[in-house]
Structure formats: structure tokens, C-alpha cells
Amino acid sequence: MLYRLMKYVLLGPLLRLFWPTKVTGLENIPETGGAILASNHLAVADSFFMPLYVSRRVTFPAKQEYFTEPGLKGRFKKWFFTGVGQFPIDRSGGSAAQAALDTAIRLLREGRLLGIYPEGTRSPDARLYKGKTGVARIALEARVPVIPVAMVGTESVNPIGSKMWRPRRLEIRFGKPLDFSRYEGLSGDRFVERSITDEIMYALMELSGQEYVDIYAAKAKELLAAEAAGVRPAVPLQPDARDAARLPQSKAG
């Protein structure tokens, strides 16, 4: 009830009014059954705009801090993020991280649409970064297709560190579903999961037109912080021609 109220009455109409959005490929989303919407991640705004144009409810995992902040502000955040279809995940690792994976798999087996950001965190500079293999494990365990989703322009709506959203024209592109049933039974094989994840990232690179960087976004943020502090990073942040070559050769060729 709260999700529909947010989408159709409280929040959705305002988003449509101030951020006109061109949407393509909605026909690629199945009308029923579980599926993963694997998106690039440019801004917090991604989790608001993408579900707005999908007729089915989309559920996103969100960092636990959105749900555990104390006080009145914390209660409002928990209410709000629950209302827009998000559930908490603990990114600290261990059993908590496994519990988050199990929750995602359960939701998909129940026939839900699950939104996932394979990069794990927002891109610090609007480029596309290496995907984490959790998305592959979830897809294999739940036996569902993966639909790549390209968000275009949301980094200009609320840049990292900004408090106010800026009106912009946006675009959302839903790609053709990726079927990984050929890998059935191979969940837990790290080479298979890396191959699947790279295939998803390649699809996102093609769909979004972003430059690909073969390091994790979290590491890129560390390197940028080191550069800002005047510390020479041990790993160069600038990509080179080898980055594209690290993606699946059957596709990149």
C-alpha cells in the first residue's frame, strides 16, 4: 500500500514533472515471475527513477544504515526506504552478507523483481566499474534471467555530496534478458560466477555507453581520496585499452 502511495500519489508525479525521462525496452521485463534488473549506479536517484517506470513492484537491497539511524530522522528514513521498496543489507561480510543473499534469492523465488547494482556502490566519476559476483550467484541460485538496465544522466540530478536534486532530462534503457541457464548447478564456482558477472557488465557497457574501468568502484573511491590528499596511488585510476579486453571476448570481439 505504501509503495503504491509513494509511486502514484506522493513521489511519482513530482519525479515525472521535474525530471522528464525517456524510457526504452520496457517490453524486455517479464510480466510475471522473478527477474533481476541489473543496473549501473550513478546516483541515489537511480533507485527512485527506475521503479517509477516499471509496472511491477521493484525491490532493491539498500545499505543497512538507511534503516538503523536513531532518532526521528532515522525513523523517517526507515519508513521512507521501506515505502519505496528497499530492504536492508549488511555489507560488512560474513554471515550477515550471506543472509542478504538468501533474502534476495527468496524474493526472486517468490516471483519478485529485484533491482541490483553489480558495482556494489555508486560510480565516483560516471564511469562503469567492475561488477561483484553476488549478482551471478543470486541469478544462478534463483534460476532467473538478468535484465541489464542503463541509467543515463542521473549523476547530474544529485551528484555525490549534493543535498538538493537538480532538474534534468534523463533516460532509462532496459536491455534484452540474459539467460544463464547453461550454467545451472554451477553456483559457487568462482570462475563461472566471474564469467557471468563480466557478461552482465559488458551488456551494461554497451547499453549505457559508459567507459569501463577494470577495478571495483569502492577501490576507485579510495584511489580518488588518496589523490585528493596528495598521496600517489599504487594502482593508476586511468583506464587503458586493456580494460575492454578483460570483458568476455566472445562479446567484445
Protein backbone atom coordinates (compact mmCIF):
# COMPACT_ATOMS: atom_id res chain seq x y z
CA MET A 1 0.00 0.00 0.00
CA LEU A 2 2.73 2.46 0.99
CA TYR A 3 4.73 1.57 -2.13
CA ARG A 4 1.78 2.38 -4.42
CA LEU A 5 1.05 5.57 -2.49
CA MET A 6 4.65 6.72 -2.97
CA LYS A 7 4.75 5.73 -6.64
CA TYR A 8 1.41 7.06 -7.82
CA VAL A 9 0.46 9.85 -5.38
CA LEU A 10 3.24 11.30 -3.23
CA LEU A 11 6.56 10.94 -5.05
CA GLY A 12 6.00 9.62 -8.55
CA PRO A 13 4.08 12.60 -10.01
CA LEU A 14 6.77 15.02 -8.80
CA LEU A 15 9.57 12.95 -10.32
CA ARG A 16 7.75 12.77 -13.66
CA LEU A 17 7.10 16.53 -13.63
CA PHE A 18 10.59 17.82 -12.83
CA TRP A 19 12.66 15.04 -14.41
CA PRO A 20 11.13 14.09 -17.78
CA THR A 21 12.53 10.70 -18.72
CA LYS A 22 12.83 8.80 -21.98
CA VAL A 23 12.32 5.09 -21.35
CA THR A 24 13.05 2.30 -23.83
CA GLY A 25 12.95 -1.50 -23.65
CA LEU A 26 10.17 -1.97 -21.10
CA GLU A 27 8.96 -4.90 -23.19
CA ASN A 28 12.06 -6.80 -22.04
CA ILE A 29 10.71 -7.07 -18.48
CA PRO A 30 8.68 -10.26 -17.95
CA GLU A 31 5.07 -9.72 -16.91
CA THR A 32 5.31 -12.43 -14.26
CA GLY A 33 7.97 -14.40 -12.41
CA GLY A 34 11.23 -13.50 -10.78
CA ALA A 35 13.90 -11.50 -12.60
CA ILE A 36 16.90 -9.36 -11.76
CA LEU A 37 17.13 -5.78 -13.01
CA ALA A 38 20.91 -5.26 -13.00
CA SER A 39 21.68 -1.56 -13.33
CA ASN A 40 24.66 0.73 -13.47
CA HIS A 41 24.75 3.03 -10.46
CA LEU A 42 25.38 6.74 -10.89
CA ALA A 43 23.38 8.28 -8.04
CA VAL A 44 20.98 7.64 -5.18
CA ALA A 45 18.30 8.85 -7.59
CA ASP A 46 18.64 5.63 -9.63
CA SER A 47 16.57 3.71 -7.09
CA PHE A 48 13.74 6.21 -7.41
CA PHE A 49 13.51 6.73 -11.16
CA MET A 50 13.90 3.17 -12.43
CA PRO A 51 10.99 1.61 -10.45
CA LEU A 52 8.79 4.55 -11.38
CA TYR A 53 8.51 3.35 -14.98
CA VAL A 54 8.19 -0.38 -14.29
CA SER A 55 4.59 -1.51 -13.87
CA ARG A 56 5.58 -4.27 -11.45
CA ARG A 57 6.98 -3.58 -8.00
CA VAL A 58 10.78 -3.47 -7.88
CA THR A 59 12.60 -4.34 -4.64
CA PHE A 60 16.13 -3.06 -4.01
CA PRO A 61 18.66 -4.11 -1.39
CA ALA A 62 19.91 -0.98 0.38
CA LYS A 63 22.68 -0.37 2.87
CA GLN A 64 21.67 -1.13 6.43
CA GLU A 65 22.48 2.39 7.64
CA TYR A 66 19.30 3.67 5.95
CA PHE A 67 17.24 1.57 8.37
CA THR A 68 19.18 1.80 11.65
CA GLU A 69 19.79 5.53 12.19
CA PRO A 70 18.47 6.58 15.62
CA GLY A 71 16.00 9.34 16.36
CA LEU A 72 13.10 10.88 14.46
CA LYS A 73 15.17 11.31 11.30
CA GLY A 74 16.15 7.64 11.45
CA ARG A 75 12.54 6.52 11.82
CA PHE A 76 11.53 8.66 8.87
CA LYS A 77 14.33 7.19 6.74
CA LYS A 78 13.29 3.65 7.65
CA TRP A 79 9.67 4.42 6.78
CA PHE A 80 10.62 6.11 3.53
CA PHE A 81 13.04 3.49 2.21
CA THR A 82 10.70 0.68 3.19
CA GLY A 83 7.93 2.53 1.37
CA VAL A 84 9.88 2.77 -1.86
CA GLY A 85 10.54 -0.96 -1.87
CA GLN A 86 14.00 -1.33 -0.34
CA PHE A 87 15.24 -3.86 2.21
CA PRO A 88 18.38 -3.62 4.39
CA ILE A 89 21.64 -5.45 3.71
CA ASP A 90 24.76 -5.63 5.83
CA ARG A 91 27.80 -5.04 3.61
CA SER A 92 30.34 -5.92 6.31
CA GLY A 93 30.70 -9.52 5.11
CA GLY A 94 30.36 -12.89 6.79
CA SER A 95 27.04 -14.42 7.80
CA ALA A 96 25.23 -11.08 7.52
CA ALA A 97 26.17 -10.81 3.85
CA GLN A 98 25.03 -14.40 3.25
CA ALA A 99 21.71 -13.57 4.91
CA ALA A 100 21.27 -10.70 2.43
CA LEU A 101 21.95 -13.06 -0.49
CA ASP A 102 19.47 -15.56 0.92
CA THR A 103 16.83 -12.82 1.21
CA ALA A 104 17.37 -11.78 -2.41
CA ILE A 105 17.10 -15.38 -3.61
CA ARG A 106 13.93 -15.93 -1.60
CA LEU A 107 12.28 -12.83 -3.09
CA LEU A 108 13.13 -13.95 -6.61
CA ARG A 109 11.78 -17.44 -5.99
CA GLU A 110 8.57 -15.79 -4.82
CA GLY A 111 8.32 -14.21 -8.27
CA ARG A 112 9.52 -10.69 -7.41
CA LEU A 113 11.53 -8.23 -9.47
CA LEU A 114 14.83 -7.48 -7.74
CA GLY A 115 16.92 -4.40 -8.53
CA ILE A 116 20.66 -4.91 -8.10
CA TYR A 117 23.70 -2.69 -8.68
CA PRO A 118 26.51 -5.11 -9.60
CA GLU A 119 29.15 -2.41 -8.98
CA GLY A 120 28.18 -2.53 -5.29
CA THR A 121 28.30 1.24 -4.82
CA ARG A 122 27.85 4.43 -6.83
CA SER A 123 30.36 5.24 -9.51
CA PRO A 124 32.58 8.10 -8.32
CA ASP A 125 33.03 9.59 -11.79
CA ALA A 126 30.18 8.33 -14.03
CA ARG A 127 32.31 5.51 -15.46
CA LEU A 128 31.36 1.83 -15.26
CA TYR A 129 33.33 -0.28 -12.80
CA LYS A 130 33.98 -3.99 -12.28
CA GLY A 131 30.96 -5.96 -11.10
CA LYS A 132 30.82 -8.02 -7.92
CA THR A 133 29.89 -11.66 -8.38
CA GLY A 134 26.98 -11.66 -5.92
CA VAL A 135 24.59 -10.90 -8.79
CA ALA A 136 25.75 -14.04 -10.60
CA ARG A 137 25.30 -16.25 -7.55
CA ILE A 138 21.80 -14.89 -6.96
CA ALA A 139 20.81 -15.41 -10.60
CA LEU A 140 22.09 -19.00 -10.57
CA GLU A 141 20.54 -19.93 -7.23
CA ALA A 142 17.16 -18.38 -8.06
CA ARG A 143 17.27 -19.54 -11.72
CA VAL A 144 16.06 -16.21 -13.09
CA PRO A 145 17.01 -14.03 -16.08
CA VAL A 146 19.02 -10.84 -15.71
CA ILE A 147 17.80 -7.69 -17.47
CA PRO A 148 20.56 -5.06 -17.85
CA VAL A 149 19.41 -1.51 -17.14
CA ALA A 150 21.27 1.66 -18.12
CA MET A 151 20.56 4.84 -16.17
CA VAL A 152 21.67 7.87 -18.16
CA GLY A 153 22.09 11.33 -16.63
CA THR A 154 21.17 10.67 -13.01
CA GLU A 155 24.66 11.67 -11.84
CA SER A 156 23.67 15.23 -12.79
CA VAL A 157 20.48 15.08 -10.70
CA ASN A 158 22.17 14.51 -7.36
CA PRO A 159 25.96 14.41 -7.63
CA ILE A 160 27.80 12.72 -4.77
CA GLY A 161 27.73 15.05 -1.78
CA SER A 162 24.84 17.20 -3.02
CA LYS A 163 21.77 17.72 -0.85
CA MET A 164 19.36 19.13 -3.45
CA TRP A 165 18.23 17.43 -6.65
CA ARG A 166 18.59 19.36 -9.91
CA PRO A 167 16.01 19.18 -12.73
CA ARG A 168 17.43 17.30 -15.73
CA ARG A 169 16.23 15.23 -18.66
CA LEU A 170 17.01 11.57 -18.08
CA GLU A 171 16.99 8.30 -19.98
CA ILE A 172 16.46 4.71 -18.86
CA ARG A 173 17.30 1.81 -21.20
CA PHE A 174 16.16 -1.75 -20.45
CA GLY A 175 18.19 -4.31 -22.38
CA LYS A 176 17.30 -7.80 -23.55
CA PRO A 177 17.22 -10.50 -20.84
CA LEU A 178 20.39 -12.50 -20.27
CA ASP A 179 19.79 -16.23 -19.79
CA PHE A 180 22.36 -18.12 -17.71
CA SER A 181 20.53 -21.45 -17.52
CA ARG A 182 23.52 -23.05 -19.30
CA TYR A 183 25.39 -22.67 -16.01
CA GLU A 184 22.72 -24.40 -13.92
CA GLY A 185 24.21 -26.27 -10.97
CA LEU A 186 27.46 -24.30 -11.05
CA SER A 187 26.64 -21.78 -8.36
CA GLY A 188 29.67 -21.36 -6.13
CA ASP A 189 32.16 -21.84 -8.95
CA ARG A 190 34.07 -18.58 -8.80
CA PHE A 191 35.23 -18.78 -12.41
CA VAL A 192 31.67 -19.29 -13.66
CA GLU A 193 30.35 -16.51 -11.44
CA ARG A 194 33.07 -14.13 -12.67
CA SER A 195 32.27 -15.01 -16.29
CA ILE A 196 28.57 -14.33 -15.76
CA THR A 197 29.27 -11.06 -13.96
CA ASP A 198 31.59 -9.89 -16.74
CA GLU A 199 28.92 -10.69 -19.32
CA ILE A 200 26.43 -8.58 -17.38
CA MET A 201 28.92 -5.70 -17.14
CA TYR A 202 29.65 -5.89 -20.85
CA ALA A 203 25.91 -5.65 -21.58
CA LEU A 204 25.72 -2.61 -19.30
CA MET A 205 28.73 -1.01 -21.01
CA GLU A 206 27.10 -1.43 -24.43
CA LEU A 207 23.71 -0.24 -23.22
CA SER A 208 24.93 2.80 -21.30
CA GLY A 209 27.86 3.87 -23.48
CA GLN A 210 29.98 4.29 -20.34
CA GLU A 211 33.73 3.90 -20.24
CA TYR A 212 34.68 0.68 -18.44
CA VAL A 213 37.32 0.53 -15.69
CA ASP A 214 38.54 -2.90 -14.52
CA ILE A 215 38.67 -2.19 -10.79
CA TYR A 216 35.92 -2.11 -8.19
CA ALA A 217 34.14 1.21 -7.64
CA ALA A 218 34.92 1.07 -3.91
CA LYS A 219 38.64 0.83 -4.75
CA ALA A 220 38.30 3.72 -7.20
CA LYS A 221 36.85 5.84 -4.41
CA GLU A 222 39.85 5.01 -2.22
CA LEU A 223 42.25 5.97 -5.02
CA LEU A 224 40.44 9.24 -5.68
CA ALA A 225 40.54 10.07 -1.97
CA ALA A 226 44.28 9.32 -1.93
CA GLU A 227 44.83 11.55 -4.97
CA ALA A 228 42.85 14.35 -3.32
CA ALA A 229 45.06 14.00 -0.22
CA GLY A 230 48.17 14.24 -2.37
CA VAL A 231 49.13 10.59 -2.00
CA ARG A 232 50.33 8.87 -5.15
CA PRO A 233 48.15 5.74 -5.61
CA ALA A 234 49.83 2.38 -6.14
CA VAL A 235 47.27 1.49 -8.85
CA PRO A 236 46.56 4.02 -11.64
CA LEU A 237 42.91 5.04 -11.88
CA GLN A 238 43.01 5.99 -15.55
CA PRO A 239 41.85 3.08 -17.75
CA ASP A 240 43.67 1.84 -20.81
CA ALA A 241 42.80 -0.28 -23.82
CA ARG A 242 43.27 -3.48 -21.82
CA ASP A 243 40.15 -2.78 -19.75
CA ALA A 244 37.76 -3.67 -22.57
CA ALA A 245 39.83 -6.76 -23.35
CA ARG A 246 39.15 -8.09 -19.86
CA LEU A 247 35.45 -8.33 -20.64
CA PRO A 248 34.12 -11.50 -22.33
CA GLN A 249 35.98 -11.94 -25.58
CA SER A 250 33.06 -13.64 -27.29
CA LYS A 251 31.14 -10.41 -26.84
CA ALA A 252 33.86 -7.75 -27.02
CA GLY A 253 35.21 -9.13 -30.27
